[in-house]
Structures are given as structure tokens and as C-alpha cells.
PDB file of N, CA and C in Angstrom:
ATOM      1  N   MET A   1     107.022  51.127 117.131  1.00  0.00           N
ATOM      2  CA  MET A   1     106.573  52.402 116.606  1.00  0.00           C
ATOM      3  C   MET A   1     107.098  53.529 117.491  1.00  0.00           C
ATOM      4  N   GLU A   2     107.212  54.663 116.903  1.00  0.00           N
ATOM      5  CA  GLU A   2     107.797  55.812 117.558  1.00  0.00           C
ATOM      6  C   GLU A   2     106.780  56.532 118.447  1.00  0.00           C
ATOM      7  N   GLU A   3     107.288  57.101 119.564  1.00  0.00           N
ATOM      8  CA  GLU A   3     106.422  57.905 120.408  1.00  0.00           C
ATOM      9  C   GLU A   3     106.007  59.161 119.664  1.00  0.00           C
ATOM     10  N   THR A   4     104.771  59.513 119.802  1.00  0.00           N
ATOM     11  CA  THR A   4     104.287  60.739 119.182  1.00  0.00           C
ATOM     12  C   THR A   4     104.543  61.917 120.116  1.00  0.00           C
ATOM     13  N   GLU A   5     104.447  63.102 119.571  1.00  0.00           N
ATOM     14  CA  GLU A   5     104.604  64.306 120.392  1.00  0.00           C
ATOM     15  C   GLU A   5     103.549  64.344 121.490  1.00  0.00           C
ATOM     16  N   SER A   6     102.369  63.859 121.188  1.00  0.00           N
ATOM     17  CA  SER A   6     101.299  63.831 122.190  1.00  0.00           C
ATOM     18  C   SER A   6     101.651  62.917 123.353  1.00  0.00           C
ATOM     19  N   ILE A   7     102.250  61.774 123.065  1.00  0.00           N
ATOM     20  CA  ILE A   7     102.671  60.869 124.133  1.00  0.00           C
ATOM     21  C   ILE A   7     103.765  61.514 124.971  1.00  0.00           C
ATOM     22  N   VAL A   8     104.691  62.197 124.327  1.00  0.00           N
ATOM     23  CA  VAL A   8     105.753  62.906 125.055  1.00  0.00           C
ATOM     24  C   VAL A   8     105.134  63.949 125.985  1.00  0.00           C
ATOM     25  N   ASN A   9     104.115  64.656 125.505  1.00  0.00           N
ATOM     26  CA  ASN A   9     103.440  65.650 126.345  1.00  0.00           C
ATOM     27  C   ASN A   9     102.737  64.994 127.526  1.00  0.00           C
ATOM     28  N   CYS A  10     102.124  63.839 127.301  1.00  0.00           N
ATOM     29  CA  CYS A  10     101.503  63.103 128.406  1.00  0.00           C
ATOM     30  C   CYS A  10     102.561  62.682 129.421  1.00  0.00           C
ATOM     31  N   ASN A  11     103.689  62.202 128.937  1.00  0.00           N
ATOM     32  CA  ASN A  11     104.776  61.800 129.828  1.00  0.00           C
ATOM     33  C   ASN A  11     105.207  62.962 130.709  1.00  0.00           C
ATOM     34  N   ARG A  12     105.317  64.142 130.120  1.00  0.00           N
ATOM     35  CA  ARG A  12     105.702  65.331 130.900  1.00  0.00           C
ATOM     36  C   ARG A  12     104.660  65.638 131.965  1.00  0.00           C
ATOM     37  N   ALA A  13     103.403  65.621 131.575  1.00  0.00           N
ATOM     38  CA  ALA A  13     102.336  65.930 132.525  1.00  0.00           C
ATOM     39  C   ALA A  13     102.307  64.916 133.669  1.00  0.00           C
ATOM     40  N   ILE A  14     102.515  63.647 133.348  1.00  0.00           N
ATOM     41  CA  ILE A  14     102.523  62.600 134.377  1.00  0.00           C
ATOM     42  C   ILE A  14     103.726  62.752 135.292  1.00  0.00           C
ATOM     43  N   SER A  15     104.864  63.192 134.742  1.00  0.00           N
ATOM     44  CA  SER A  15     106.040  63.380 135.594  1.00  0.00           C
ATOM     45  C   SER A  15     105.817  64.516 136.589  1.00  0.00           C
ATOM     46  N   VAL A  16     105.014  65.497 136.217  1.00  0.00           N
ATOM     47  CA  VAL A  16     104.686  66.599 137.122  1.00  0.00           C
ATOM     48  C   VAL A  16     103.659  66.151 138.162  1.00  0.00           C
ATOM     49  N   ASN A  17     102.668  65.387 137.717  1.00  0.00           N
ATOM     50  CA  ASN A  17     101.612  64.903 138.613  1.00  0.00           C
ATOM     51  C   ASN A  17     101.324  63.437 138.299  1.00  0.00           C
ATOM     52  N   PRO A  18     101.954  62.521 139.024  1.00  0.00           N
ATOM     53  CA  PRO A  18     101.771  61.092 138.725  1.00  0.00           C
ATOM     54  C   PRO A  18     100.386  60.546 139.102  1.00  0.00           C
ATOM     55  N   TYR A  19      99.490  61.412 139.586  1.00  0.00           N
ATOM     56  CA  TYR A  19      98.130  60.988 139.915  1.00  0.00           C
ATOM     57  C   TYR A  19      97.104  61.581 138.949  1.00  0.00           C
ATOM     58  N   ASN A  20      97.558  62.012 137.796  1.00  0.00           N
ATOM     59  CA  ASN A  20      96.702  62.652 136.807  1.00  0.00           C
ATOM     60  C   ASN A  20      96.017  61.585 135.949  1.00  0.00           C
ATOM     61  N   VAL A  21      94.839  61.202 136.363  1.00  0.00           N
ATOM     62  CA  VAL A  21      94.087  60.137 135.683  1.00  0.00           C
ATOM     63  C   VAL A  21      93.849  60.476 134.213  1.00  0.00           C
ATOM     64  N   LEU A  22      93.519  61.712 133.932  1.00  0.00           N
ATOM     65  CA  LEU A  22      93.218  62.088 132.546  1.00  0.00           C
ATOM     66  C   LEU A  22      94.412  61.886 131.618  1.00  0.00           C
ATOM     67  N   GLU A  23      95.614  62.159 132.102  1.00  0.00           N
ATOM     68  CA  GLU A  23      96.800  61.975 131.258  1.00  0.00           C
ATOM     69  C   GLU A  23      97.087  60.500 131.010  1.00  0.00           C
ATOM     70  N   TYR A  24      96.855  59.651 132.021  1.00  0.00           N
ATOM     71  CA  TYR A  24      97.022  58.207 131.805  1.00  0.00           C
ATOM     72  C   TYR A  24      96.008  57.700 130.788  1.00  0.00           C
ATOM     73  N   LYS A  25      94.757  58.188 130.898  1.00  0.00           N
ATOM     74  CA  LYS A  25      93.733  57.780 129.938  1.00  0.00           C
ATOM     75  C   LYS A  25      94.100  58.230 128.524  1.00  0.00           C
ATOM     76  N   LYS A  26      94.533  59.477 128.416  1.00  0.00           N
ATOM     77  CA  LYS A  26      94.907  60.015 127.110  1.00  0.00           C
ATOM     78  C   LYS A  26      96.075  59.228 126.524  1.00  0.00           C
ATOM     79  N   ARG A  27      97.103  58.970 127.355  1.00  0.00           N
ATOM     80  CA  ARG A  27      98.257  58.234 126.852  1.00  0.00           C
ATOM     81  C   ARG A  27      97.870  56.797 126.499  1.00  0.00           C
ATOM     82  N   GLY A  28      96.967  56.207 127.271  1.00  0.00           N
ATOM     83  CA  GLY A  28      96.490  54.867 126.942  1.00  0.00           C
ATOM     84  C   GLY A  28      95.834  54.817 125.574  1.00  0.00           C
ATOM     85  N   THR A  29      95.019  55.813 125.279  1.00  0.00           N
ATOM     86  CA  THR A  29      94.357  55.883 123.984  1.00  0.00           C
ATOM     87  C   THR A  29      95.376  56.096 122.862  1.00  0.00           C
ATOM     88  N   LEU A  30      96.323  56.979 123.104  1.00  0.00           N
ATOM     89  CA  LEU A  30      97.361  57.225 122.099  1.00  0.00           C
ATOM     90  C   LEU A  30      98.184  55.962 121.841  1.00  0.00           C
ATOM     91  N   ASN A  31      98.543  55.253 122.912  1.00  0.00           N
ATOM     92  CA  ASN A  31      99.300  54.012 122.746  1.00  0.00           C
ATOM     93  C   ASN A  31      98.485  52.964 121.996  1.00  0.00           C
ATOM     94  N   ALA A  32      97.210  52.859 122.307  1.00  0.00           N
ATOM     95  CA  ALA A  32      96.355  51.898 121.600  1.00  0.00           C
ATOM     96  C   ALA A  32      96.271  52.247 120.113  1.00  0.00           C
ATOM     97  N   ASP A  33      96.191  53.540 119.827  1.00  0.00           N
ATOM     98  CA  ASP A  33      96.093  53.973 118.430  1.00  0.00           C
ATOM     99  C   ASP A  33      97.313  53.565 117.605  1.00  0.00           C
ATOM    100  N   ILE A  34      98.481  53.483 118.236  1.00  0.00           N
ATOM    101  CA  ILE A  34      99.693  53.084 117.500  1.00  0.00           C
ATOM    102  C   ILE A  34     100.064  51.626 117.799  1.00  0.00           C
ATOM    103  N   GLU A  35      99.068  50.888 118.291  1.00  0.00           N
ATOM    104  CA  GLU A  35      99.161  49.452 118.530  1.00  0.00           C
ATOM    105  C   GLU A  35     100.208  49.071 119.579  1.00  0.00           C
ATOM    106  N   LYS A  36     100.452  49.953 120.522  1.00  0.00           N
ATOM    107  CA  LYS A  36     101.275  49.632 121.689  1.00  0.00           C
ATOM    108  C   LYS A  36     100.298  49.186 122.784  1.00  0.00           C
ATOM    109  N   TYR A  37      99.757  47.993 122.579  1.00  0.00           N
ATOM    110  CA  TYR A  37      98.667  47.535 123.427  1.00  0.00           C
ATOM    111  C   TYR A  37      99.089  47.270 124.867  1.00  0.00           C
ATOM    112  N   ASN A  38     100.247  46.701 125.082  1.00  0.00           N
ATOM    113  CA  ASN A  38     100.686  46.451 126.456  1.00  0.00           C
ATOM    114  C   ASN A  38     100.868  47.755 127.217  1.00  0.00           C
ATOM    115  N   GLU A  39     101.431  48.767 126.560  1.00  0.00           N
ATOM    116  CA  GLU A  39     101.593  50.070 127.194  1.00  0.00           C
ATOM    117  C   GLU A  39     100.235  50.700 127.485  1.00  0.00           C
ATOM    118  N   ALA A  40      99.296  50.525 126.570  1.00  0.00           N
ATOM    119  CA  ALA A  40      97.950  51.061 126.771  1.00  0.00           C
ATOM    120  C   ALA A  40      97.299  50.413 127.989  1.00  0.00           C
ATOM    121  N   ILE A  41      97.443  49.099 128.109  1.00  0.00           N
ATOM    122  CA  ILE A  41      96.872  48.413 129.267  1.00  0.00           C
ATOM    123  C   ILE A  41      97.512  48.922 130.560  1.00  0.00           C
ATOM    124  N   GLU A  42      98.818  49.121 130.546  1.00  0.00           N
ATOM    125  CA  GLU A  42      99.488  49.663 131.729  1.00  0.00           C
ATOM    126  C   GLU A  42      98.931  51.036 132.096  1.00  0.00           C
ATOM    127  N   ASP A  43      98.709  51.877 131.100  1.00  0.00           N
ATOM    128  CA  ASP A  43      98.173  53.209 131.362  1.00  0.00           C
ATOM    129  C   ASP A  43      96.758  53.149 131.931  1.00  0.00           C
ATOM    130  N   TYR A  44      95.893  52.352 131.320  1.00  0.00           N
ATOM    131  CA  TYR A  44      94.529  52.248 131.833  1.00  0.00           C
ATOM    132  C   TYR A  44      94.512  51.617 133.231  1.00  0.00           C
ATOM    133  N   THR A  45      95.375  50.648 133.453  1.00  0.00           N
ATOM    134  CA  THR A  45      95.452  50.015 134.773  1.00  0.00           C
ATOM    135  C   THR A  45      95.894  51.027 135.826  1.00  0.00           C
ATOM    136  N   LYS A  46      96.866  51.852 135.500  1.00  0.00           N
ATOM    137  CA  LYS A  46      97.324  52.887 136.444  1.00  0.00           C
ATOM    138  C   LYS A  46      96.197  53.873 136.722  1.00  0.00           C
ATOM    139  N   ALA A  47      95.479  54.280 135.692  1.00  0.00           N
ATOM    140  CA  ALA A  47      94.350  55.191 135.887  1.00  0.00           C
ATOM    141  C   ALA A  47      93.296  54.554 136.801  1.00  0.00           C
ATOM    142  N   ILE A  48      93.049  53.263 136.621  1.00  0.00           N
ATOM    143  CA  ILE A  48      92.083  52.547 137.467  1.00  0.00           C
ATOM    144  C   ILE A  48      92.573  52.469 138.904  1.00  0.00           C
ATOM    145  N   GLU A  49      93.866  52.260 139.098  1.00  0.00           N
ATOM    146  CA  GLU A  49      94.419  52.237 140.454  1.00  0.00           C
ATOM    147  C   GLU A  49      94.185  53.574 141.154  1.00  0.00           C
ATOM    148  N   ILE A  50      94.327  54.658 140.421  1.00  0.00           N
ATOM    149  CA  ILE A  50      94.153  55.993 140.999  1.00  0.00           C
ATOM    150  C   ILE A  50      92.676  56.292 141.238  1.00  0.00           C
ATOM    151  N   TYR A  51      91.849  55.966 140.255  1.00  0.00           N
ATOM    152  CA  TYR A  51      90.413  56.246 140.354  1.00  0.00           C
ATOM    153  C   TYR A  51      89.616  55.048 139.835  1.00  0.00           C
ATOM    154  N   PRO A  52      89.312  54.110 140.727  1.00  0.00           N
ATOM    155  CA  PRO A  52      88.690  52.846 140.297  1.00  0.00           C
ATOM    156  C   PRO A  52      87.211  52.931 139.901  1.00  0.00           C
ATOM    157  N   ARG A  53      86.633  54.114 139.906  1.00  0.00           N
ATOM    158  CA  ARG A  53      85.218  54.242 139.531  1.00  0.00           C
ATOM    159  C   ARG A  53      85.039  54.799 138.115  1.00  0.00           C
ATOM    160  N   ASP A  54      86.109  54.826 137.351  1.00  0.00           N
ATOM    161  CA  ASP A  54      86.052  55.366 135.991  1.00  0.00           C
ATOM    162  C   ASP A  54      85.707  54.249 135.009  1.00  0.00           C
ATOM    163  N   ALA A  55      84.441  54.201 134.623  1.00  0.00           N
ATOM    164  CA  ALA A  55      83.962  53.151 133.721  1.00  0.00           C
ATOM    165  C   ALA A  55      84.666  53.191 132.374  1.00  0.00           C
ATOM    166  N   THR A  56      85.015  54.387 131.916  1.00  0.00           N
ATOM    167  CA  THR A  56      85.665  54.521 130.616  1.00  0.00           C
ATOM    168  C   THR A  56      87.000  53.789 130.581  1.00  0.00           C
ATOM    169  N   CYS A  57      87.746  53.865 131.672  1.00  0.00           N
ATOM    170  CA  CYS A  57      89.041  53.172 131.718  1.00  0.00           C
ATOM    171  C   CYS A  57      88.858  51.659 131.592  1.00  0.00           C
ATOM    172  N   PHE A  58      87.859  51.126 132.289  1.00  0.00           N
ATOM    173  CA  PHE A  58      87.602  49.692 132.186  1.00  0.00           C
ATOM    174  C   PHE A  58      87.174  49.317 130.765  1.00  0.00           C
ATOM    175  N   PHE A  59      86.296  50.132 130.188  1.00  0.00           N
ATOM    176  CA  PHE A  59      85.846  49.847 128.831  1.00  0.00           C
ATOM    177  C   PHE A  59      87.012  49.892 127.847  1.00  0.00           C
ATOM    178  N   ASN A  60      87.821  50.947 127.938  1.00  0.00           N
ATOM    179  CA  ASN A  60      88.952  51.081 127.021  1.00  0.00           C
ATOM    180  C   ASN A  60      89.956  49.953 127.197  1.00  0.00           C
ATOM    181  N   ARG A  61      90.232  49.586 128.449  1.00  0.00           N
ATOM    182  CA  ARG A  61      91.169  48.481 128.689  1.00  0.00           C
ATOM    183  C   ARG A  61      90.599  47.184 128.123  1.00  0.00           C
ATOM    184  N   GLY A  62      89.297  46.995 128.258  1.00  0.00           N
ATOM    185  CA  GLY A  62      88.666  45.810 127.691  1.00  0.00           C
ATOM    186  C   GLY A  62      88.815  45.752 126.182  1.00  0.00           C
ATOM    187  N   THR A  63      88.662  46.893 125.542  1.00  0.00           N
ATOM    188  CA  THR A  63      88.827  46.967 124.090  1.00  0.00           C
ATOM    189  C   THR A  63      90.250  46.601 123.681  1.00  0.00           C
ATOM    190  N   VAL A  64      91.225  47.107 124.415  1.00  0.00           N
ATOM    191  CA  VAL A  64      92.619  46.782 124.116  1.00  0.00           C
ATOM    192  C   VAL A  64      92.880  45.296 124.352  1.00  0.00           C
ATOM    193  N   ARG A  65      92.286  44.750 125.405  1.00  0.00           N
ATOM    194  CA  ARG A  65      92.476  43.325 125.679  1.00  0.00           C
ATOM    195  C   ARG A  65      91.948  42.464 124.534  1.00  0.00           C
ATOM    196  N   ILE A  66      90.870  42.882 123.913  1.00  0.00           N
ATOM    197  CA  ILE A  66      90.362  42.145 122.753  1.00  0.00           C
ATOM    198  C   ILE A  66      91.430  42.114 121.662  1.00  0.00           C
ATOM    199  N   ASN A  67      92.072  43.253 121.438  1.00  0.00           N
ATOM    200  CA  ASN A  67      93.124  43.313 120.415  1.00  0.00           C
ATOM    201  C   ASN A  67      94.284  42.375 120.737  1.00  0.00           C
ATOM    202  N   LEU A  68      94.494  42.086 122.003  1.00  0.00           N
ATOM    203  CA  LEU A  68      95.554  41.154 122.410  1.00  0.00           C
ATOM    204  C   LEU A  68      95.065  39.707 122.509  1.00  0.00           C
ATOM    205  N   GLY A  69      93.772  39.492 122.245  1.00  0.00           N
ATOM    206  CA  GLY A  69      93.216  38.146 122.304  1.00  0.00           C
ATOM    207  C   GLY A  69      92.814  37.705 123.699  1.00  0.00           C
ATOM    208  N   ASP A  70      92.806  38.617 124.669  1.00  0.00           N
ATOM    209  CA  ASP A  70      92.426  38.298 126.051  1.00  0.00           C
ATOM    210  C   ASP A  70      90.927  38.518 126.223  1.00  0.00           C
ATOM    211  N   ILE A  71      90.157  37.575 125.713  1.00  0.00           N
ATOM    212  CA  ILE A  71      88.698  37.709 125.708  1.00  0.00           C
ATOM    213  C   ILE A  71      88.134  37.679 127.127  1.00  0.00           C
ATOM    214  N   GLU A  72      88.646  36.796 127.975  1.00  0.00           N
ATOM    215  CA  GLU A  72      88.146  36.721 129.354  1.00  0.00           C
ATOM    216  C   GLU A  72      88.435  38.012 130.118  1.00  0.00           C
ATOM    217  N   GLY A  73      89.637  38.546 129.956  1.00  0.00           N
ATOM    218  CA  GLY A  73      89.977  39.813 130.606  1.00  0.00           C
ATOM    219  C   GLY A  73      89.091  40.941 130.108  1.00  0.00           C
ATOM    220  N   ALA A  74      88.817  40.936 128.808  1.00  0.00           N
ATOM    221  CA  ALA A  74      87.936  41.954 128.224  1.00  0.00           C
ATOM    222  C   ALA A  74      86.529  41.837 128.800  1.00  0.00           C
ATOM    223  N   LYS A  75      86.018  40.618 128.901  1.00  0.00           N
ATOM    224  CA  LYS A  75      84.681  40.422 129.471  1.00  0.00           C
ATOM    225  C   LYS A  75      84.615  40.947 130.895  1.00  0.00           C
ATOM    226  N   ASP A  76      85.653  40.685 131.678  1.00  0.00           N
ATOM    227  CA  ASP A  76      85.691  41.179 133.063  1.00  0.00           C
ATOM    228  C   ASP A  76      85.656  42.703 133.094  1.00  0.00           C
ATOM    229  N   ASP A  77      86.467  43.332 132.238  1.00  0.00           N
ATOM    230  CA  ASP A  77      86.492  44.799 132.205  1.00  0.00           C
ATOM    231  C   ASP A  77      85.161  45.370 131.745  1.00  0.00           C
ATOM    232  N   PHE A  78      84.552  44.776 130.728  1.00  0.00           N
ATOM    233  CA  PHE A  78      83.264  45.274 130.245  1.00  0.00           C
ATOM    234  C   PHE A  78      82.183  45.118 131.312  1.00  0.00           C
ATOM    235  N   LYS A  79      82.244  44.042 132.068  1.00  0.00           N
ATOM    236  CA  LYS A  79      81.269  43.830 133.142  1.00  0.00           C
ATOM    237  C   LYS A  79      81.397  44.924 134.197  1.00  0.00           C
ATOM    238  N   ILE A  80      82.623  45.229 134.603  1.00  0.00           N
ATOM    239  CA  ILE A  80      82.837  46.275 135.608  1.00  0.00           C
ATOM    240  C   ILE A  80      82.396  47.631 135.052  1.00  0.00           C
ATOM    241  N   ALA A  81      82.725  47.916 133.797  1.00  0.00           N
ATOM    242  CA  ALA A  81      82.319  49.179 133.185  1.00  0.00           C
ATOM    243  C   ALA A  81      80.798  49.318 133.192  1.00  0.00           C
ATOM    244  N   THR A  82      80.105  48.244 132.899  1.00  0.00           N
ATOM    245  CA  THR A  82      78.649  48.262 132.889  1.00  0.00           C
ATOM    246  C   THR A  82      78.109  48.520 134.280  1.00  0.00           C
ATOM    247  N   ILE A  83      78.646  47.847 135.270  1.00  0.00           N
ATOM    248  CA  ILE A  83      78.192  48.042 136.663  1.00  0.00           C
ATOM    249  C   ILE A  83      78.432  49.490 137.099  1.00  0.00           C
ATOM    250  N   LEU A  84      79.601  50.023 136.781  1.00  0.00           N
ATOM    251  CA  LEU A  84      79.898  51.404 137.155  1.00  0.00           C
ATOM    252  C   LEU A  84      78.956  52.393 136.459  1.00  0.00           C
ATOM    253  N   ASN A  85      78.638  52.130 135.198  1.00  0.00           N
ATOM    254  CA  ASN A  85      77.719  53.008 134.473  1.00  0.00           C
ATOM    255  C   ASN A  85      76.313  52.944 135.043  1.00  0.00           C
ATOM    256  N   LEU A  86      75.906  51.786 135.512  1.00  0.00           N
ATOM    257  CA  LEU A  86      74.567  51.628 136.079  1.00  0.00           C
ATOM    258  C   LEU A  86      74.440  52.290 137.442  1.00  0.00           C
ATOM    259  N   SER A  87      75.564  52.441 138.141  1.00  0.00           N
ATOM    260  CA  SER A  87      75.515  52.988 139.499  1.00  0.00           C
ATOM    261  C   SER A  87      75.637  54.511 139.511  1.00  0.00           C
ATOM    262  N   VAL A  88      75.675  55.123 138.332  1.00  0.00           N
ATOM    263  CA  VAL A  88      75.803  56.597 138.270  1.00  0.00           C
ATOM    264  C   VAL A  88      74.453  57.231 138.440  1.00  0.00           C
TER     265      VAL A  88
END
């Protein structure tokens, strides 16, 4: 599938600031929406590397993992997301 204009804009923002967690999250969601699941996982994983306390990234990555059939990976991500949400 083709990159959307929104993904291109995220790419630009990330090239300016490669530590922009919000742009990785946004691009991950956009990639998931067009069924680029591996790219979405890479984006959420990068966001987690930058800011590992973001429960939303773990939850979203878990959702994408379900789409790829990685049930165990999804369970792990959902567990971490739950723990992070409880510690807020």
C-alpha cells in the first residue's frame, strides 16, 4: 500500500527530531490503519525505546501483534500497559 501524506509528514517530523515519541505513535497508528503491521510495530517499539512508560504504545503494539497472530507478544504488551496504567 502507498504511503499517505500523513505518513510523509510524520517522516519529516521524525527526521527533524528522531526522539519525537508522538510522531512515532502517530505513524504507527497510520501504518496499522493501512495494514502495514510490521512497520507499525517498529514505530511503537521505537516510541517505547524513547519513552518506556507510555502505556498507549504497549497497548497499540499489542493490538497490532494480534493482527499478526502473535498472541503471546500481545499478551505481554497488554500486561505491561495494564501495569503502567495502574501505576499512574
